[in-house]
Each structure stands twice: as structure tokens, then as C-alpha cells.
Amino acid sequence: MPETDKTTDDSSIRAAEGVQEAVPESRFRLIVVAALRAKQLLRGARPRIEADIGRRRNTSIALEEVRQGLVPYTLTNERAEKNGSREHK
């Protein structure tokens, strides 16, 4: 049984401040977060779910991890500022 990764390699998913989400509410955000996680897996990160690497691809593993809420992510300040400025106008 492969060991699961308990740490977060957030070099691709960074934010100074923001709201942490468990599962993306938007299918587009789901794809972006899964793509960043697939990139981490490609670079050698360990899967957070039990997966047979020979039968499942990194993209499938990443998508399942995100759907299960195992990949934390935050919205960046830049994104929050854009959303906030739209509300004030």
C-alpha cells in the first residue's frame, strides 16, 4: 500500500491571504486546482489517495483528490480584490 502525502506542496497553489475552500464550488475552479495538483504529482508528490500508478493517470488521481477535499486551496488577494471591487460598483 503506498504511503499517502501528509504535507502540502503549495508551490503551485499559493496565497498570502484568502478563504480556504475544501471542494471548489465551480467546475472551472475544480479543473484549475486539479491541473495544479496533477502537475505536483508529475513532479514527484505522493498521491493522497490509494491509487495504482500503473492503472491511473496523474490527472485522474488529482481530480479524485480534489473531489474528496484532500487538496486545500485558497483564493489569492488579487482575486478577492477583483471580486470585492465589482460588488462596490
PDB file of N, CA and C in Angstrom:
ATOM      1  N   MET A   1       0.850  -1.172   0.000  1.00  0.00           N
ATOM      2  CA  MET A   1       0.000   0.000   0.000  1.00  0.00           C
ATOM      3  C   MET A   1       0.892   1.229   0.000  1.00  0.00           C
ATOM      4  N   PRO A   2       0.697   2.188  -0.941  1.00  0.00           N
ATOM      5  CA  PRO A   2       1.553   3.357  -0.990  1.00  0.00           C
ATOM      6  C   PRO A   2       1.256   4.304   0.167  1.00  0.00           C
ATOM      7  N   GLU A   3       2.320   4.946   0.633  1.00  0.00           N
ATOM      8  CA  GLU A   3       2.171   5.919   1.709  1.00  0.00           C
ATOM      9  C   GLU A   3       1.564   7.198   1.147  1.00  0.00           C
ATOM     10  N   THR A   4       0.626   7.780   1.851  1.00  0.00           N
ATOM     11  CA  THR A   4      -0.005   8.996   1.361  1.00  0.00           C
ATOM     12  C   THR A   4       0.738  10.212   1.869  1.00  0.00           C
ATOM     13  N   ASP A   5       0.695  11.269   1.128  1.00  0.00           N
ATOM     14  CA  ASP A   5       1.391  12.501   1.447  1.00  0.00           C
ATOM     15  C   ASP A   5       0.591  13.292   2.474  1.00  0.00           C
ATOM     16  N   LYS A   6       1.203  13.617   3.600  1.00  0.00           N
ATOM     17  CA  LYS A   6       0.528  14.372   4.650  1.00  0.00           C
ATOM     18  C   LYS A   6       0.844  15.864   4.568  1.00  0.00           C
ATOM     19  N   THR A   7       1.841  16.233   3.787  1.00  0.00           N
ATOM     20  CA  THR A   7       2.213  17.637   3.678  1.00  0.00           C
ATOM     21  C   THR A   7       1.680  18.224   2.389  1.00  0.00           C
ATOM     22  N   THR A   8       1.609  19.525   2.367  1.00  0.00           N
ATOM     23  CA  THR A   8       1.120  20.205   1.182  1.00  0.00           C
ATOM     24  C   THR A   8       2.289  20.844   0.460  1.00  0.00           C
ATOM     25  N   ASP A   9       2.479  20.503  -0.792  1.00  0.00           N
ATOM     26  CA  ASP A   9       3.459  21.183  -1.628  1.00  0.00           C
ATOM     27  C   ASP A   9       2.706  22.289  -2.341  1.00  0.00           C
ATOM     28  N   ASP A  10       2.687  23.459  -1.708  1.00  0.00           N
ATOM     29  CA  ASP A  10       1.869  24.526  -2.262  1.00  0.00           C
ATOM     30  C   ASP A  10       2.672  25.484  -3.112  1.00  0.00           C
ATOM     31  N   SER A  11       3.718  24.997  -3.763  1.00  0.00           N
ATOM     32  CA  SER A  11       4.494  25.873  -4.620  1.00  0.00           C
ATOM     33  C   SER A  11       3.685  26.334  -5.822  1.00  0.00           C
ATOM     34  N   SER A  12       2.725  25.531  -6.256  1.00  0.00           N
ATOM     35  CA  SER A  12       1.887  25.919  -7.379  1.00  0.00           C
ATOM     36  C   SER A  12       0.616  26.625  -6.939  1.00  0.00           C
ATOM     37  N   ILE A  13       0.171  26.359  -5.716  1.00  0.00           N
ATOM     38  CA  ILE A  13      -1.067  26.955  -5.214  1.00  0.00           C
ATOM     39  C   ILE A  13      -0.699  27.801  -4.009  1.00  0.00           C
ATOM     40  N   ARG A  14      -0.479  29.100  -4.217  1.00  0.00           N
ATOM     41  CA  ARG A  14      -0.058  29.993  -3.152  1.00  0.00           C
ATOM     42  C   ARG A  14      -1.047  31.128  -2.992  1.00  0.00           C
ATOM     43  N   ALA A  15      -1.115  31.600  -1.749  1.00  0.00           N
ATOM     44  CA  ALA A  15      -1.915  32.787  -1.477  1.00  0.00           C
ATOM     45  C   ALA A  15      -1.434  33.410  -0.183  1.00  0.00           C
ATOM     46  N   ALA A  16      -1.346  34.722  -0.164  1.00  0.00           N
ATOM     47  CA  ALA A  16      -0.957  35.408   1.055  1.00  0.00           C
ATOM     48  C   ALA A  16      -2.105  35.355   2.060  1.00  0.00           C
ATOM     49  N   GLU A  17      -3.285  35.667   1.605  1.00  0.00           N
ATOM     50  CA  GLU A  17      -4.482  35.601   2.436  1.00  0.00           C
ATOM     51  C   GLU A  17      -5.636  35.176   1.561  1.00  0.00           C
ATOM     52  N   GLY A  18      -6.706  34.780   2.163  1.00  0.00           N
ATOM     53  CA  GLY A  18      -7.886  34.389   1.400  1.00  0.00           C
ATOM     54  C   GLY A  18      -8.693  33.366   2.159  1.00  0.00           C
ATOM     55  N   VAL A  19      -9.746  32.919   1.557  1.00  0.00           N
ATOM     56  CA  VAL A  19     -10.623  31.943   2.165  1.00  0.00           C
ATOM     57  C   VAL A  19     -10.226  30.563   1.674  1.00  0.00           C
ATOM     58  N   GLN A  20      -9.979  29.657   2.619  1.00  0.00           N
ATOM     59  CA  GLN A  20      -9.611  28.299   2.232  1.00  0.00           C
ATOM     60  C   GLN A  20     -10.875  27.507   1.958  1.00  0.00           C
ATOM     61  N   GLU A  21     -10.869  26.817   0.858  1.00  0.00           N
ATOM     62  CA  GLU A  21     -12.025  26.028   0.435  1.00  0.00           C
ATOM     63  C   GLU A  21     -11.667  24.550   0.495  1.00  0.00           C
ATOM     64  N   ALA A  22     -12.633  23.704   0.783  1.00  0.00           N
ATOM     65  CA  ALA A  22     -12.404  22.262   0.796  1.00  0.00           C
ATOM     66  C   ALA A  22     -12.629  21.674  -0.592  1.00  0.00           C
ATOM     67  N   VAL A  23     -13.776  21.960  -1.188  1.00  0.00           N
ATOM     68  CA  VAL A  23     -14.099  21.464  -2.519  1.00  0.00           C
ATOM     69  C   VAL A  23     -14.540  22.672  -3.353  1.00  0.00           C
ATOM     70  N   PRO A  24     -13.973  22.859  -4.531  1.00  0.00           N
ATOM     71  CA  PRO A  24     -14.342  24.013  -5.355  1.00  0.00           C
ATOM     72  C   PRO A  24     -15.829  24.018  -5.699  1.00  0.00           C
ATOM     73  N   GLU A  25     -16.435  25.195  -5.609  1.00  0.00           N
ATOM     74  CA  GLU A  25     -17.851  25.326  -5.921  1.00  0.00           C
ATOM     75  C   GLU A  25     -18.086  25.496  -7.420  1.00  0.00           C
ATOM     76  N   SER A  26     -17.052  25.795  -8.155  1.00  0.00           N
ATOM     77  CA  SER A  26     -17.151  25.998  -9.593  1.00  0.00           C
ATOM     78  C   SER A  26     -16.435  24.864 -10.323  1.00  0.00           C
ATOM     79  N   ARG A  27     -17.026  24.372 -11.387  1.00  0.00           N
ATOM     80  CA  ARG A  27     -16.361  23.294 -12.129  1.00  0.00           C
ATOM     81  C   ARG A  27     -15.084  23.789 -12.793  1.00  0.00           C
ATOM     82  N   PHE A  28     -15.030  25.070 -13.112  1.00  0.00           N
ATOM     83  CA  PHE A  28     -13.829  25.635 -13.723  1.00  0.00           C
ATOM     84  C   PHE A  28     -12.701  25.706 -12.702  1.00  0.00           C
ATOM     85  N   ARG A  29     -13.025  26.114 -11.476  1.00  0.00           N
ATOM     86  CA  ARG A  29     -12.021  26.150 -10.416  1.00  0.00           C
ATOM     87  C   ARG A  29     -11.570  24.732 -10.089  1.00  0.00           C
ATOM     88  N   LEU A  30     -12.488  23.773 -10.121  1.00  0.00           N
ATOM     89  CA  LEU A  30     -12.147  22.372  -9.890  1.00  0.00           C
ATOM     90  C   LEU A  30     -11.071  21.918 -10.878  1.00  0.00           C
ATOM     91  N   ILE A  31     -11.242  22.273 -12.131  1.00  0.00           N
ATOM     92  CA  ILE A  31     -10.282  21.878 -13.167  1.00  0.00           C
ATOM     93  C   ILE A  31      -8.927  22.547 -12.944  1.00  0.00           C
ATOM     94  N   VAL A  32      -8.935  23.816 -12.573  1.00  0.00           N
ATOM     95  CA  VAL A  32      -7.674  24.537 -12.353  1.00  0.00           C
ATOM     96  C   VAL A  32      -6.923  23.940 -11.167  1.00  0.00           C
ATOM     97  N   VAL A  33      -7.623  23.705 -10.061  1.00  0.00           N
ATOM     98  CA  VAL A  33      -6.981  23.131  -8.874  1.00  0.00           C
ATOM     99  C   VAL A  33      -6.478  21.722  -9.180  1.00  0.00           C
ATOM    100  N   ALA A  34      -7.261  20.921  -9.880  1.00  0.00           N
ATOM    101  CA  ALA A  34      -6.842  19.563 -10.238  1.00  0.00           C
ATOM    102  C   ALA A  34      -5.632  19.587 -11.171  1.00  0.00           C
ATOM    103  N   ALA A  35      -5.596  20.543 -12.085  1.00  0.00           N
ATOM    104  CA  ALA A  35      -4.455  20.647 -13.001  1.00  0.00           C
ATOM    105  C   ALA A  35      -3.175  20.986 -12.240  1.00  0.00           C
ATOM    106  N   LEU A  36      -3.283  21.888 -11.279  1.00  0.00           N
ATOM    107  CA  LEU A  36      -2.109  22.236 -10.471  1.00  0.00           C
ATOM    108  C   LEU A  36      -1.663  21.043  -9.626  1.00  0.00           C
ATOM    109  N   ARG A  37      -2.617  20.297  -9.100  1.00  0.00           N
ATOM    110  CA  ARG A  37      -2.280  19.108  -8.310  1.00  0.00           C
ATOM    111  C   ARG A  37      -1.664  18.026  -9.197  1.00  0.00           C
ATOM    112  N   ALA A  38      -2.169  17.852 -10.419  1.00  0.00           N
ATOM    113  CA  ALA A  38      -1.601  16.878 -11.351  1.00  0.00           C
ATOM    114  C   ALA A  38      -0.148  17.233 -11.665  1.00  0.00           C
ATOM    115  N   LYS A  39       0.127  18.516 -11.763  1.00  0.00           N
ATOM    116  CA  LYS A  39       1.497  18.963 -12.004  1.00  0.00           C
ATOM    117  C   LYS A  39       2.394  18.592 -10.826  1.00  0.00           C
ATOM    118  N   GLN A  40       1.874  18.730  -9.607  1.00  0.00           N
ATOM    119  CA  GLN A  40       2.635  18.330  -8.427  1.00  0.00           C
ATOM    120  C   GLN A  40       2.911  16.823  -8.452  1.00  0.00           C
ATOM    121  N   LEU A  41       1.911  16.032  -8.815  1.00  0.00           N
ATOM    122  CA  LEU A  41       2.091  14.582  -8.893  1.00  0.00           C
ATOM    123  C   LEU A  41       3.125  14.225  -9.953  1.00  0.00           C
ATOM    124  N   LEU A  42       3.083  14.917 -11.066  1.00  0.00           N
ATOM    125  CA  LEU A  42       4.043  14.677 -12.139  1.00  0.00           C
ATOM    126  C   LEU A  42       5.464  14.947 -11.673  1.00  0.00           C
ATOM    127  N   ARG A  43       5.616  15.932 -10.794  1.00  0.00           N
ATOM    128  CA  ARG A  43       6.938  16.300 -10.274  1.00  0.00           C
ATOM    129  C   ARG A  43       7.383  15.443  -9.100  1.00  0.00           C
ATOM    130  N   GLY A  44       6.558  14.449  -8.722  1.00  0.00           N
ATOM    131  CA  GLY A  44       7.003  13.509  -7.703  1.00  0.00           C
ATOM    132  C   GLY A  44       6.253  13.526  -6.385  1.00  0.00           C
ATOM    133  N   ALA A  45       5.238  14.357  -6.227  1.00  0.00           N
ATOM    134  CA  ALA A  45       4.456  14.352  -4.993  1.00  0.00           C
ATOM    135  C   ALA A  45       3.732  13.016  -4.865  1.00  0.00           C
ATOM    136  N   ARG A  46       3.530  12.584  -3.643  1.00  0.00           N
ATOM    137  CA  ARG A  46       2.839  11.317  -3.408  1.00  0.00           C
ATOM    138  C   ARG A  46       1.338  11.521  -3.435  1.00  0.00           C
ATOM    139  N   PRO A  47       0.604  10.577  -3.996  1.00  0.00           N
ATOM    140  CA  PRO A  47      -0.865  10.685  -4.009  1.00  0.00           C
ATOM    141  C   PRO A  47      -1.433  10.655  -2.597  1.00  0.00           C
ATOM    142  N   ARG A  48      -2.518  11.372  -2.389  1.00  0.00           N
ATOM    143  CA  ARG A  48      -3.190  11.407  -1.095  1.00  0.00           C
ATOM    144  C   ARG A  48      -4.311  10.383  -1.017  1.00  0.00           C
ATOM    145  N   ILE A  49      -4.513   9.667  -2.096  1.00  0.00           N
ATOM    146  CA  ILE A  49      -5.477   8.576  -2.110  1.00  0.00           C
ATOM    147  C   ILE A  49      -4.726   7.316  -2.504  1.00  0.00           C
ATOM    148  N   GLU A  50      -5.307   6.181  -2.193  1.00  0.00           N
ATOM    149  CA  GLU A  50      -4.690   4.927  -2.598  1.00  0.00           C
ATOM    150  C   GLU A  50      -4.958   4.740  -4.083  1.00  0.00           C
ATOM    151  N   ALA A  51      -3.895   4.714  -4.866  1.00  0.00           N
ATOM    152  CA  ALA A  51      -4.055   4.632  -6.314  1.00  0.00           C
ATOM    153  C   ALA A  51      -2.949   3.773  -6.907  1.00  0.00           C
ATOM    154  N   ASP A  52      -3.317   2.968  -7.872  1.00  0.00           N
ATOM    155  CA  ASP A  52      -2.351   2.166  -8.603  1.00  0.00           C
ATOM    156  C   ASP A  52      -1.823   3.038  -9.737  1.00  0.00           C
ATOM    157  N   ILE A  53      -0.588   3.501  -9.591  1.00  0.00           N
ATOM    158  CA  ILE A  53       0.000   4.409 -10.569  1.00  0.00           C
ATOM    159  C   ILE A  53       0.034   3.785 -11.965  1.00  0.00           C
ATOM    160  N   GLY A  54       0.193   2.492 -12.049  1.00  0.00           N
ATOM    161  CA  GLY A  54       0.239   1.817 -13.343  1.00  0.00           C
ATOM    162  C   GLY A  54      -1.092   1.830 -14.081  1.00  0.00           C
ATOM    163  N   ARG A  55      -2.191   1.973 -13.338  1.00  0.00           N
ATOM    164  CA  ARG A  55      -3.518   1.921 -13.965  1.00  0.00           C
ATOM    165  C   ARG A  55      -4.238   3.258 -13.975  1.00  0.00           C
ATOM    166  N   ARG A  56      -3.812   4.208 -13.163  1.00  0.00           N
ATOM    167  CA  ARG A  56      -4.480   5.514 -13.106  1.00  0.00           C
ATOM    168  C   ARG A  56      -3.483   6.603 -13.450  1.00  0.00           C
ATOM    169  N   ARG A  57      -3.935   7.571 -14.171  1.00  0.00           N
ATOM    170  CA  ARG A  57      -3.075   8.679 -14.566  1.00  0.00           C
ATOM    171  C   ARG A  57      -3.105   9.775 -13.504  1.00  0.00           C
ATOM    172  N   ASN A  58      -2.086  10.628 -13.536  1.00  0.00           N
ATOM    173  CA  ASN A  58      -1.989  11.718 -12.570  1.00  0.00           C
ATOM    174  C   ASN A  58      -3.220  12.616 -12.596  1.00  0.00           C
ATOM    175  N   THR A  59      -3.770  12.857 -13.778  1.00  0.00           N
ATOM    176  CA  THR A  59      -4.935  13.731 -13.864  1.00  0.00           C
ATOM    177  C   THR A  59      -6.142  13.125 -13.162  1.00  0.00           C
ATOM    178  N   SER A  60      -6.346  11.831 -13.304  1.00  0.00           N
ATOM    179  CA  SER A  60      -7.463  11.148 -12.646  1.00  0.00           C
ATOM    180  C   SER A  60      -7.280  11.146 -11.132  1.00  0.00           C
ATOM    181  N   ILE A  61      -6.055  10.898 -10.695  1.00  0.00           N
ATOM    182  CA  ILE A  61      -5.756  10.896  -9.267  1.00  0.00           C
ATOM    183  C   ILE A  61      -6.001  12.292  -8.696  1.00  0.00           C
ATOM    184  N   ALA A  62      -5.495  13.314  -9.372  1.00  0.00           N
ATOM    185  CA  ALA A  62      -5.651  14.698  -8.901  1.00  0.00           C
ATOM    186  C   ALA A  62      -7.116  15.098  -8.831  1.00  0.00           C
ATOM    187  N   LEU A  63      -7.882  14.767  -9.828  1.00  0.00           N
ATOM    188  CA  LEU A  63      -9.304  15.117  -9.853  1.00  0.00           C
ATOM    189  C   LEU A  63     -10.036  14.446  -8.694  1.00  0.00           C
ATOM    190  N   GLU A  64      -9.734  13.198  -8.428  1.00  0.00           N
ATOM    191  CA  GLU A  64     -10.375  12.491  -7.317  1.00  0.00           C
ATOM    192  C   GLU A  64      -9.965  13.091  -5.973  1.00  0.00           C
ATOM    193  N   GLU A  65      -8.697  13.459  -5.832  1.00  0.00           N
ATOM    194  CA  GLU A  65      -8.235  14.094  -4.596  1.00  0.00           C
ATOM    195  C   GLU A  65      -8.980  15.403  -4.340  1.00  0.00           C
ATOM    196  N   VAL A  66      -9.152  16.202  -5.372  1.00  0.00           N
ATOM    197  CA  VAL A  66      -9.851  17.485  -5.230  1.00  0.00           C
ATOM    198  C   VAL A  66     -11.310  17.242  -4.882  1.00  0.00           C
ATOM    199  N   ARG A  67     -11.954  16.310  -5.549  1.00  0.00           N
ATOM    200  CA  ARG A  67     -13.363  15.998  -5.269  1.00  0.00           C
ATOM    201  C   ARG A  67     -13.576  15.525  -3.834  1.00  0.00           C
ATOM    202  N   GLN A  68     -12.598  14.822  -3.283  1.00  0.00           N
ATOM    203  CA  GLN A  68     -12.697  14.344  -1.909  1.00  0.00           C
ATOM    204  C   GLN A  68     -12.314  15.407  -0.889  1.00  0.00           C
ATOM    205  N   GLY A  69     -11.869  16.563  -1.363  1.00  0.00           N
ATOM    206  CA  GLY A  69     -11.495  17.642  -0.449  1.00  0.00           C
ATOM    207  C   GLY A  69     -10.131  17.468   0.188  1.00  0.00           C
ATOM    208  N   LEU A  70      -9.261  16.685  -0.437  1.00  0.00           N
ATOM    209  CA  LEU A  70      -7.936  16.416   0.109  1.00  0.00           C
ATOM    210  C   LEU A  70      -6.879  17.413  -0.353  1.00  0.00           C
ATOM    211  N   VAL A  71      -7.246  18.306  -1.265  1.00  0.00           N
ATOM    212  CA  VAL A  71      -6.307  19.291  -1.791  1.00  0.00           C
ATOM    213  C   VAL A  71      -6.797  20.680  -1.377  1.00  0.00           C
ATOM    214  N   PRO A  72      -6.203  21.239  -0.320  1.00  0.00           N
ATOM    215  CA  PRO A  72      -6.638  22.573   0.099  1.00  0.00           C
ATOM    216  C   PRO A  72      -6.142  23.631  -0.881  1.00  0.00           C
ATOM    217  N   TYR A  73      -6.918  24.671  -1.029  1.00  0.00           N
ATOM    218  CA  TYR A  73      -6.506  25.786  -1.867  1.00  0.00           C
ATOM    219  C   TYR A  73      -7.099  27.061  -1.287  1.00  0.00           C
ATOM    220  N   THR A  74      -6.513  28.169  -1.654  1.00  0.00           N
ATOM    221  CA  THR A  74      -7.020  29.462  -1.195  1.00  0.00           C
ATOM    222  C   THR A  74      -7.138  30.392  -2.384  1.00  0.00           C
ATOM    223  N   LEU A  75      -8.035  31.335  -2.276  1.00  0.00           N
ATOM    224  CA  LEU A  75      -8.152  32.377  -3.285  1.00  0.00           C
ATOM    225  C   LEU A  75      -7.133  33.451  -2.955  1.00  0.00           C
ATOM    226  N   THR A  76      -6.468  33.975  -3.949  1.00  0.00           N
ATOM    227  CA  THR A  76      -5.449  34.985  -3.705  1.00  0.00           C
ATOM    228  C   THR A  76      -6.085  36.339  -3.429  1.00  0.00           C
ATOM    229  N   ASN A  77      -5.294  37.243  -2.857  1.00  0.00           N
ATOM    230  CA  ASN A  77      -5.770  38.600  -2.585  1.00  0.00           C
ATOM    231  C   ASN A  77      -6.185  39.300  -3.863  1.00  0.00           C
ATOM    232  N   GLU A  78      -5.424  39.099  -4.905  1.00  0.00           N
ATOM    233  CA  GLU A  78      -5.727  39.739  -6.181  1.00  0.00           C
ATOM    234  C   GLU A  78      -7.124  39.351  -6.651  1.00  0.00           C
ATOM    235  N   ARG A  79      -7.441  38.088  -6.542  1.00  0.00           N
ATOM    236  CA  ARG A  79      -8.754  37.594  -6.958  1.00  0.00           C
ATOM    237  C   ARG A  79      -9.846  38.160  -6.042  1.00  0.00           C
ATOM    238  N   ALA A  80      -9.584  38.172  -4.749  1.00  0.00           N
ATOM    239  CA  ALA A  80     -10.563  38.678  -3.792  1.00  0.00           C
ATOM    240  C   ALA A  80     -10.799  40.174  -4.006  1.00  0.00           C
ATOM    241  N   GLU A  81      -9.727  40.911  -4.332  1.00  0.00           N
ATOM    242  CA  GLU A  81      -9.875  42.346  -4.579  1.00  0.00           C
ATOM    243  C   GLU A  81     -10.712  42.605  -5.823  1.00  0.00           C
ATOM    244  N   LYS A  82     -10.510  41.809  -6.867  1.00  0.00           N
ATOM    245  CA  LYS A  82     -11.301  41.971  -8.082  1.00  0.00           C
ATOM    246  C   LYS A  82     -12.766  41.693  -7.801  1.00  0.00           C
ATOM    247  N   ASN A  83     -13.043  40.638  -7.054  1.00  0.00           N
ATOM    248  CA  ASN A  83     -14.427  40.312  -6.723  1.00  0.00           C
ATOM    249  C   ASN A  83     -15.042  41.377  -5.820  1.00  0.00           C
ATOM    250  N   GLY A  84     -14.244  41.894  -4.890  1.00  0.00           N
ATOM    251  CA  GLY A  84     -14.744  42.927  -3.989  1.00  0.00           C
ATOM    252  C   GLY A  84     -15.021  44.234  -4.697  1.00  0.00           C
ATOM    253  N   SER A  85     -14.196  44.596  -5.676  1.00  0.00           N
ATOM    254  CA  SER A  85     -14.387  45.863  -6.386  1.00  0.00           C
ATOM    255  C   SER A  85     -15.630  45.819  -7.249  1.00  0.00           C
ATOM    256  N   ARG A  86     -16.004  44.656  -7.737  1.00  0.00           N
ATOM    257  CA  ARG A  86     -17.202  44.526  -8.556  1.00  0.00           C
ATOM    258  C   ARG A  86     -18.461  44.718  -7.714  1.00  0.00           C
ATOM    259  N   GLU A  87     -18.388  44.283  -6.468  1.00  0.00           N
ATOM    260  CA  GLU A  87     -19.544  44.391  -5.588  1.00  0.00           C
ATOM    261  C   GLU A  87     -19.829  45.833  -5.205  1.00  0.00           C
ATOM    262  N   HIS A  88     -18.799  46.669  -5.112  1.00  0.00           N
ATOM    263  CA  HIS A  88     -18.968  48.062  -4.685  1.00  0.00           C
ATOM    264  C   HIS A  88     -19.503  48.952  -5.786  1.00  0.00           C
ATOM    265  N   LYS A  89     -19.363  48.565  -7.018  1.00  0.00           N
ATOM    266  CA  LYS A  89     -19.806  49.420  -8.122  1.00  0.00           C
ATOM    267  C   LYS A  89     -21.249  49.226  -8.457  1.00  0.00           C
TER     268      LYS A  89
END
